[in-house]
Amino acid sequence: MRNNVCMTAAHVTHFGLPDDVQTALSQRAPIEQAKGMLMAMHRISADAAFALLVDRSQGTNRKLRDIAQELVDRASIDR
C-alpha cells in the first residue's frame, strides 16, 4: 500500500490534481473566456458561442483551444 501512495503522489501537481486534469483545466480557461466574449459581443447563449468556436475550428482545421486563445489574445492587445 505504501508504494501505491508514493506512486500516486508522484503524479499529482502542487494543486493536488493529476497532471492530465490540471492540463485540461488550464486549456479550458481560454475557451470559457472566449465564449464569454462572444456572448457579450453578439448577445448569444453559451451554446451558440461554443458553436461559433467549433465552426471556426473546423473551418480552419485548427484546435478549438487555439482559436479561443487567439480571440482572447486579440482582445487583450486591442485595449
PDB file of N, CA and C in Angstrom:
ATOM      1  N   MET A   1       0.822  -1.191   0.000  1.00  0.00           N
ATOM      2  CA  MET A   1       0.000   0.000   0.000  1.00  0.00           C
ATOM      3  C   MET A   1       0.862   1.250   0.000  1.00  0.00           C
ATOM      4  N   ARG A   2       1.936   1.241   0.715  1.00  0.00           N
ATOM      5  CA  ARG A   2       2.793   2.408   0.805  1.00  0.00           C
ATOM      6  C   ARG A   2       3.361   2.791  -0.556  1.00  0.00           C
ATOM      7  N   ASN A   3       3.761   1.826  -1.372  1.00  0.00           N
ATOM      8  CA  ASN A   3       4.278   2.122  -2.705  1.00  0.00           C
ATOM      9  C   ASN A   3       3.218   2.767  -3.579  1.00  0.00           C
ATOM     10  N   ASN A   4       1.997   2.337  -3.461  1.00  0.00           N
ATOM     11  CA  ASN A   4       0.914   2.935  -4.249  1.00  0.00           C
ATOM     12  C   ASN A   4       0.705   4.391  -3.879  1.00  0.00           C
ATOM     13  N   VAL A   5       0.798   4.715  -2.610  1.00  0.00           N
ATOM     14  CA  VAL A   5       0.631   6.091  -2.165  1.00  0.00           C
ATOM     15  C   VAL A   5       1.757   6.946  -2.713  1.00  0.00           C
ATOM     16  N   CYS A   6       2.979   6.460  -2.661  1.00  0.00           N
ATOM     17  CA  CYS A   6       4.121   7.218  -3.182  1.00  0.00           C
ATOM     18  C   CYS A   6       4.012   7.392  -4.688  1.00  0.00           C
ATOM     19  N   MET A   7       3.604   6.352  -5.380  1.00  0.00           N
ATOM     20  CA  MET A   7       3.482   6.437  -6.818  1.00  0.00           C
ATOM     21  C   MET A   7       2.379   7.428  -7.191  1.00  0.00           C
ATOM     22  N   THR A   8       1.280   7.407  -6.488  1.00  0.00           N
ATOM     23  CA  THR A   8       0.196   8.341  -6.756  1.00  0.00           C
ATOM     24  C   THR A   8       0.650   9.765  -6.479  1.00  0.00           C
ATOM     25  N   ALA A   9       1.332   9.978  -5.402  1.00  0.00           N
ATOM     26  CA  ALA A   9       1.802  11.317  -5.046  1.00  0.00           C
ATOM     27  C   ALA A   9       2.770  11.863  -6.086  1.00  0.00           C
ATOM     28  N   ALA A  10       3.501  11.007  -6.744  1.00  0.00           N
ATOM     29  CA  ALA A  10       4.449  11.451  -7.768  1.00  0.00           C
ATOM     30  C   ALA A  10       3.740  11.987  -8.995  1.00  0.00           C
ATOM     31  N   HIS A  11       2.493  11.613  -9.184  1.00  0.00           N
ATOM     32  CA  HIS A  11       1.749  12.038 -10.362  1.00  0.00           C
ATOM     33  C   HIS A  11       0.760  13.159 -10.058  1.00  0.00           C
ATOM     34  N   VAL A  12       0.907  13.776  -8.915  1.00  0.00           N
ATOM     35  CA  VAL A  12      -0.014  14.830  -8.515  1.00  0.00           C
ATOM     36  C   VAL A  12       0.711  16.165  -8.563  1.00  0.00           C
ATOM     37  N   THR A  13       0.031  17.187  -9.086  1.00  0.00           N
ATOM     38  CA  THR A  13       0.627  18.515  -9.182  1.00  0.00           C
ATOM     39  C   THR A  13       0.584  19.197  -7.821  1.00  0.00           C
ATOM     40  N   HIS A  14       1.123  20.386  -7.754  1.00  0.00           N
ATOM     41  CA  HIS A  14       1.130  21.129  -6.498  1.00  0.00           C
ATOM     42  C   HIS A  14      -0.270  21.550  -6.069  1.00  0.00           C
ATOM     43  N   PHE A  15      -1.252  21.455  -6.939  1.00  0.00           N
ATOM     44  CA  PHE A  15      -2.633  21.756  -6.580  1.00  0.00           C
ATOM     45  C   PHE A  15      -3.364  20.517  -6.079  1.00  0.00           C
ATOM     46  N   GLY A  16      -2.713  19.389  -6.123  1.00  0.00           N
ATOM     47  CA  GLY A  16      -3.334  18.169  -5.664  1.00  0.00           C
ATOM     48  C   GLY A  16      -4.167  17.469  -6.709  1.00  0.00           C
ATOM     49  N   LEU A  17      -4.035  17.871  -7.951  1.00  0.00           N
ATOM     50  CA  LEU A  17      -4.775  17.242  -9.040  1.00  0.00           C
ATOM     51  C   LEU A  17      -3.815  16.493  -9.944  1.00  0.00           C
ATOM     52  N   PRO A  18      -4.274  15.403 -10.538  1.00  0.00           N
ATOM     53  CA  PRO A  18      -3.419  14.701 -11.503  1.00  0.00           C
ATOM     54  C   PRO A  18      -3.025  15.646 -12.649  1.00  0.00           C
ATOM     55  N   ASP A  19      -1.863  15.410 -13.211  1.00  0.00           N
ATOM     56  CA  ASP A  19      -1.340  16.284 -14.266  1.00  0.00           C
ATOM     57  C   ASP A  19      -2.307  16.454 -15.426  1.00  0.00           C
ATOM     58  N   ASP A  20      -2.959  15.374 -15.860  1.00  0.00           N
ATOM     59  CA  ASP A  20      -3.851  15.483 -17.007  1.00  0.00           C
ATOM     60  C   ASP A  20      -5.092  16.314 -16.678  1.00  0.00           C
ATOM     61  N   VAL A  21      -5.556  16.262 -15.457  1.00  0.00           N
ATOM     62  CA  VAL A  21      -6.702  17.086 -15.053  1.00  0.00           C
ATOM     63  C   VAL A  21      -6.290  18.549 -15.002  1.00  0.00           C
ATOM     64  N   GLN A  22      -5.128  18.822 -14.447  1.00  0.00           N
ATOM     65  CA  GLN A  22      -4.630  20.197 -14.377  1.00  0.00           C
ATOM     66  C   GLN A  22      -4.450  20.778 -15.777  1.00  0.00           C
ATOM     67  N   THR A  23      -3.931  19.982 -16.697  1.00  0.00           N
ATOM     68  CA  THR A  23      -3.758  20.427 -18.081  1.00  0.00           C
ATOM     69  C   THR A  23      -5.106  20.720 -18.719  1.00  0.00           C
ATOM     70  N   ALA A  24      -6.067  19.842 -18.511  1.00  0.00           N
ATOM     71  CA  ALA A  24      -7.395  20.050 -19.084  1.00  0.00           C
ATOM     72  C   ALA A  24      -8.032  21.332 -18.552  1.00  0.00           C
ATOM     73  N   LEU A  25      -7.879  21.582 -17.268  1.00  0.00           N
ATOM     74  CA  LEU A  25      -8.451  22.794 -16.680  1.00  0.00           C
ATOM     75  C   LEU A  25      -7.778  24.050 -17.220  1.00  0.00           C
ATOM     76  N   SER A  26      -6.471  24.011 -17.389  1.00  0.00           N
ATOM     77  CA  SER A  26      -5.765  25.192 -17.883  1.00  0.00           C
ATOM     78  C   SER A  26      -6.084  25.456 -19.353  1.00  0.00           C
ATOM     79  N   GLN A  27      -6.389  24.421 -20.116  1.00  0.00           N
ATOM     80  CA  GLN A  27      -6.742  24.607 -21.520  1.00  0.00           C
ATOM     81  C   GLN A  27      -8.193  25.048 -21.674  1.00  0.00           C
ATOM     82  N   ARG A  28      -9.003  24.773 -20.679  1.00  0.00           N
ATOM     83  CA  ARG A  28     -10.423  25.120 -20.742  1.00  0.00           C
ATOM     84  C   ARG A  28     -10.647  26.609 -20.478  1.00  0.00           C
ATOM     85  N   ALA A  29      -9.784  27.232 -19.695  1.00  0.00           N
ATOM     86  CA  ALA A  29      -9.968  28.639 -19.318  1.00  0.00           C
ATOM     87  C   ALA A  29     -10.096  29.571 -20.525  1.00  0.00           C
ATOM     88  N   PRO A  30      -9.195  29.504 -21.506  1.00  0.00           N
ATOM     89  CA  PRO A  30      -9.345  30.391 -22.668  1.00  0.00           C
ATOM     90  C   PRO A  30     -10.626  30.121 -23.452  1.00  0.00           C
ATOM     91  N   ILE A  31     -11.070  28.884 -23.470  1.00  0.00           N
ATOM     92  CA  ILE A  31     -12.315  28.558 -24.179  1.00  0.00           C
ATOM     93  C   ILE A  31     -13.486  29.236 -23.480  1.00  0.00           C
ATOM     94  N   GLU A  32     -13.513  29.154 -22.156  1.00  0.00           N
ATOM     95  CA  GLU A  32     -14.589  29.801 -21.401  1.00  0.00           C
ATOM     96  C   GLU A  32     -14.522  31.321 -21.547  1.00  0.00           C
ATOM     97  N   GLN A  33     -13.313  31.881 -21.553  1.00  0.00           N
ATOM     98  CA  GLN A  33     -13.165  33.330 -21.738  1.00  0.00           C
ATOM     99  C   GLN A  33     -13.664  33.745 -23.117  1.00  0.00           C
ATOM    100  N   ALA A  34     -13.282  32.996 -24.132  1.00  0.00           N
ATOM    101  CA  ALA A  34     -13.709  33.312 -25.499  1.00  0.00           C
ATOM    102  C   ALA A  34     -15.226  33.189 -25.633  1.00  0.00           C
ATOM    103  N   LYS A  35     -15.802  32.166 -25.019  1.00  0.00           N
ATOM    104  CA  LYS A  35     -17.257  32.027 -25.043  1.00  0.00           C
ATOM    105  C   LYS A  35     -17.913  33.245 -24.409  1.00  0.00           C
ATOM    106  N   GLY A  36     -17.403  33.687 -23.284  1.00  0.00           N
ATOM    107  CA  GLY A  36     -17.959  34.854 -22.616  1.00  0.00           C
ATOM    108  C   GLY A  36     -17.859  36.107 -23.461  1.00  0.00           C
ATOM    109  N   MET A  37     -16.744  36.259 -24.132  1.00  0.00           N
ATOM    110  CA  MET A  37     -16.557  37.416 -25.012  1.00  0.00           C
ATOM    111  C   MET A  37     -17.563  37.384 -26.154  1.00  0.00           C
ATOM    112  N   LEU A  38     -17.715  36.219 -26.777  1.00  0.00           N
ATOM    113  CA  LEU A  38     -18.661  36.090 -27.886  1.00  0.00           C
ATOM    114  C   LEU A  38     -20.097  36.318 -27.418  1.00  0.00           C
ATOM    115  N   MET A  39     -20.409  35.823 -26.226  1.00  0.00           N
ATOM    116  CA  MET A  39     -21.750  36.011 -25.674  1.00  0.00           C
ATOM    117  C   MET A  39     -22.042  37.496 -25.488  1.00  0.00           C
ATOM    118  N   ALA A  40     -21.050  38.234 -24.980  1.00  0.00           N
ATOM    119  CA  ALA A  40     -21.241  39.667 -24.744  1.00  0.00           C
ATOM    120  C   ALA A  40     -21.306  40.450 -26.056  1.00  0.00           C
ATOM    121  N   MET A  41     -20.426  40.134 -26.979  1.00  0.00           N
ATOM    122  CA  MET A  41     -20.377  40.872 -28.241  1.00  0.00           C
ATOM    123  C   MET A  41     -21.614  40.648 -29.101  1.00  0.00           C
ATOM    124  N   HIS A  42     -22.089  39.401 -29.141  1.00  0.00           N
ATOM    125  CA  HIS A  42     -23.180  39.042 -30.049  1.00  0.00           C
ATOM    126  C   HIS A  42     -24.519  38.820 -29.338  1.00  0.00           C
ATOM    127  N   ARG A  43     -24.510  38.947 -28.006  1.00  0.00           N
ATOM    128  CA  ARG A  43     -25.725  38.711 -27.205  1.00  0.00           C
ATOM    129  C   ARG A  43     -26.350  37.366 -27.544  1.00  0.00           C
ATOM    130  N   ILE A  44     -25.516  36.325 -27.392  1.00  0.00           N
ATOM    131  CA  ILE A  44     -25.941  34.958 -27.696  1.00  0.00           C
ATOM    132  C   ILE A  44     -25.744  34.074 -26.467  1.00  0.00           C
ATOM    133  N   SER A  45     -26.289  32.883 -26.527  1.00  0.00           N
ATOM    134  CA  SER A  45     -26.162  31.930 -25.421  1.00  0.00           C
ATOM    135  C   SER A  45     -24.765  31.300 -25.408  1.00  0.00           C
ATOM    136  N   ALA A  46     -24.471  30.634 -24.307  1.00  0.00           N
ATOM    137  CA  ALA A  46     -23.193  29.925 -24.181  1.00  0.00           C
ATOM    138  C   ALA A  46     -23.073  28.837 -25.246  1.00  0.00           C
ATOM    139  N   ASP A  47     -24.162  28.137 -25.507  1.00  0.00           N
ATOM    140  CA  ASP A  47     -24.147  27.085 -26.531  1.00  0.00           C
ATOM    141  C   ASP A  47     -23.886  27.663 -27.920  1.00  0.00           C
ATOM    142  N   ALA A  48     -24.506  28.800 -28.204  1.00  0.00           N
ATOM    143  CA  ALA A  48     -24.298  29.436 -29.511  1.00  0.00           C
ATOM    144  C   ALA A  48     -22.865  29.931 -29.648  1.00  0.00           C
ATOM    145  N   ALA A  49     -22.309  30.465 -28.575  1.00  0.00           N
ATOM    146  CA  ALA A  49     -20.917  30.933 -28.602  1.00  0.00           C
ATOM    147  C   ALA A  49     -19.969  29.764 -28.834  1.00  0.00           C
ATOM    148  N   PHE A  50     -20.224  28.654 -28.159  1.00  0.00           N
ATOM    149  CA  PHE A  50     -19.389  27.475 -28.349  1.00  0.00           C
ATOM    150  C   PHE A  50     -19.504  26.964 -29.777  1.00  0.00           C
ATOM    151  N   ALA A  51     -20.702  27.008 -30.316  1.00  0.00           N
ATOM    152  CA  ALA A  51     -20.914  26.561 -31.702  1.00  0.00           C
ATOM    153  C   ALA A  51     -20.109  27.431 -32.673  1.00  0.00           C
ATOM    154  N   LEU A  52     -20.031  28.741 -32.403  1.00  0.00           N
ATOM    155  CA  LEU A  52     -19.214  29.614 -33.258  1.00  0.00           C
ATOM    156  C   LEU A  52     -17.745  29.206 -33.202  1.00  0.00           C
ATOM    157  N   LEU A  53     -17.267  28.907 -31.997  1.00  0.00           N
ATOM    158  CA  LEU A  53     -15.875  28.468 -31.859  1.00  0.00           C
ATOM    159  C   LEU A  53     -15.638  27.146 -32.585  1.00  0.00           C
ATOM    160  N   VAL A  54     -16.568  26.230 -32.460  1.00  0.00           N
ATOM    161  CA  VAL A  54     -16.458  24.928 -33.138  1.00  0.00           C
ATOM    162  C   VAL A  54     -16.444  25.119 -34.648  1.00  0.00           C
ATOM    163  N   ASP A  55     -17.341  25.955 -35.149  1.00  0.00           N
ATOM    164  CA  ASP A  55     -17.391  26.203 -36.597  1.00  0.00           C
ATOM    165  C   ASP A  55     -16.072  26.768 -37.100  1.00  0.00           C
ATOM    166  N   ARG A  56     -15.523  27.734 -36.379  1.00  0.00           N
ATOM    167  CA  ARG A  56     -14.240  28.336 -36.791  1.00  0.00           C
ATOM    168  C   ARG A  56     -13.127  27.302 -36.721  1.00  0.00           C
ATOM    169  N   SER A  57     -13.138  26.498 -35.685  1.00  0.00           N
ATOM    170  CA  SER A  57     -12.120  25.460 -35.520  1.00  0.00           C
ATOM    171  C   SER A  57     -12.154  24.471 -36.681  1.00  0.00           C
ATOM    172  N   GLN A  58     -13.336  24.006 -37.007  1.00  0.00           N
ATOM    173  CA  GLN A  58     -13.465  23.027 -38.081  1.00  0.00           C
ATOM    174  C   GLN A  58     -13.214  23.655 -39.442  1.00  0.00           C
ATOM    175  N   GLY A  59     -13.642  24.895 -39.609  1.00  0.00           N
ATOM    176  CA  GLY A  59     -13.460  25.573 -40.892  1.00  0.00           C
ATOM    177  C   GLY A  59     -12.013  25.896 -41.208  1.00  0.00           C
ATOM    178  N   THR A  60     -11.213  26.053 -40.166  1.00  0.00           N
ATOM    179  CA  THR A  60      -9.799  26.381 -40.371  1.00  0.00           C
ATOM    180  C   THR A  60      -8.874  25.207 -40.067  1.00  0.00           C
ATOM    181  N   ASN A  61      -9.479  24.080 -39.651  1.00  0.00           N
ATOM    182  CA  ASN A  61      -8.711  22.888 -39.296  1.00  0.00           C
ATOM    183  C   ASN A  61      -7.670  23.191 -38.213  1.00  0.00           C
ATOM    184  N   ARG A  62      -8.105  23.952 -37.215  1.00  0.00           N
ATOM    185  CA  ARG A  62      -7.249  24.282 -36.063  1.00  0.00           C
ATOM    186  C   ARG A  62      -7.936  23.850 -34.785  1.00  0.00           C
ATOM    187  N   LYS A  63      -7.157  23.629 -33.750  1.00  0.00           N
ATOM    188  CA  LYS A  63      -7.725  23.226 -32.473  1.00  0.00           C
ATOM    189  C   LYS A  63      -8.574  24.348 -31.896  1.00  0.00           C
ATOM    190  N   LEU A  64      -9.677  23.950 -31.280  1.00  0.00           N
ATOM    191  CA  LEU A  64     -10.601  24.918 -30.709  1.00  0.00           C
ATOM    192  C   LEU A  64      -9.909  25.779 -29.656  1.00  0.00           C
ATOM    193  N   ARG A  65      -9.069  25.167 -28.826  1.00  0.00           N
ATOM    194  CA  ARG A  65      -8.399  25.951 -27.784  1.00  0.00           C
ATOM    195  C   ARG A  65      -7.469  27.004 -28.392  1.00  0.00           C
ATOM    196  N   ASP A  66      -6.894  26.720 -29.568  1.00  0.00           N
ATOM    197  CA  ASP A  66      -6.038  27.708 -30.238  1.00  0.00           C
ATOM    198  C   ASP A  66      -6.874  28.868 -30.780  1.00  0.00           C
ATOM    199  N   ILE A  67      -8.029  28.563 -31.320  1.00  0.00           N
ATOM    200  CA  ILE A  67      -8.945  29.601 -31.808  1.00  0.00           C
ATOM    201  C   ILE A  67      -9.362  30.490 -30.632  1.00  0.00           C
ATOM    202  N   ALA A  68      -9.737  29.860 -29.523  1.00  0.00           N
ATOM    203  CA  ALA A  68     -10.169  30.603 -28.342  1.00  0.00           C
ATOM    204  C   ALA A  68      -9.041  31.481 -27.802  1.00  0.00           C
ATOM    205  N   GLN A  69      -7.842  30.928 -27.709  1.00  0.00           N
ATOM    206  CA  GLN A  69      -6.706  31.696 -27.190  1.00  0.00           C
ATOM    207  C   GLN A  69      -6.399  32.892 -28.079  1.00  0.00           C
ATOM    208  N   GLU A  70      -6.510  32.706 -29.375  1.00  0.00           N
ATOM    209  CA  GLU A  70      -6.276  33.803 -30.318  1.00  0.00           C
ATOM    210  C   GLU A  70      -7.291  34.930 -30.111  1.00  0.00           C
ATOM    211  N   LEU A  71      -8.545  34.568 -29.899  1.00  0.00           N
ATOM    212  CA  LEU A  71      -9.582  35.570 -29.650  1.00  0.00           C
ATOM    213  C   LEU A  71      -9.300  36.345 -28.362  1.00  0.00           C
ATOM    214  N   VAL A  72      -8.932  35.633 -27.313  1.00  0.00           N
ATOM    215  CA  VAL A  72      -8.601  36.277 -26.042  1.00  0.00           C
ATOM    216  C   VAL A  72      -7.377  37.163 -26.187  1.00  0.00           C
ATOM    217  N   ASP A  73      -6.365  36.685 -26.884  1.00  0.00           N
ATOM    218  CA  ASP A  73      -5.146  37.468 -27.079  1.00  0.00           C
ATOM    219  C   ASP A  73      -5.424  38.749 -27.868  1.00  0.00           C
ATOM    220  N   ARG A  74      -6.220  38.646 -28.905  1.00  0.00           N
ATOM    221  CA  ARG A  74      -6.562  39.834 -29.714  1.00  0.00           C
ATOM    222  C   ARG A  74      -7.302  40.869 -28.883  1.00  0.00           C
ATOM    223  N   ALA A  75      -8.199  40.418 -28.030  1.00  0.00           N
ATOM    224  CA  ALA A  75      -8.945  41.338 -27.173  1.00  0.00           C
ATOM    225  C   ALA A  75      -8.009  42.032 -26.178  1.00  0.00           C
ATOM    226  N   SER A  76      -7.005  41.309 -25.720  1.00  0.00           N
ATOM    227  CA  SER A  76      -6.045  41.886 -24.768  1.00  0.00           C
ATOM    228  C   SER A  76      -5.184  42.950 -25.439  1.00  0.00           C
ATOM    229  N   ILE A  77      -4.828  42.728 -26.686  1.00  0.00           N
ATOM    230  CA  ILE A  77      -3.988  43.675 -27.433  1.00  0.00           C
ATOM    231  C   ILE A  77      -4.767  44.930 -27.792  1.00  0.00           C
ATOM    232  N   ASP A  78      -6.052  44.779 -28.083  1.00  0.00           N
ATOM    233  CA  ASP A  78      -6.883  45.898 -28.510  1.00  0.00           C
ATOM    234  C   ASP A  78      -7.127  46.919 -27.402  1.00  0.00           C
ATOM    235  N   ARG A  79      -6.830  46.611 -26.189  1.00  0.00           N
ATOM    236  CA  ARG A  79      -7.112  47.523 -25.070  1.00  0.00           C
ATOM    237  C   ARG A  79      -6.092  48.575 -24.922  1.00  0.00           C
TER     238      ARG A  79
END
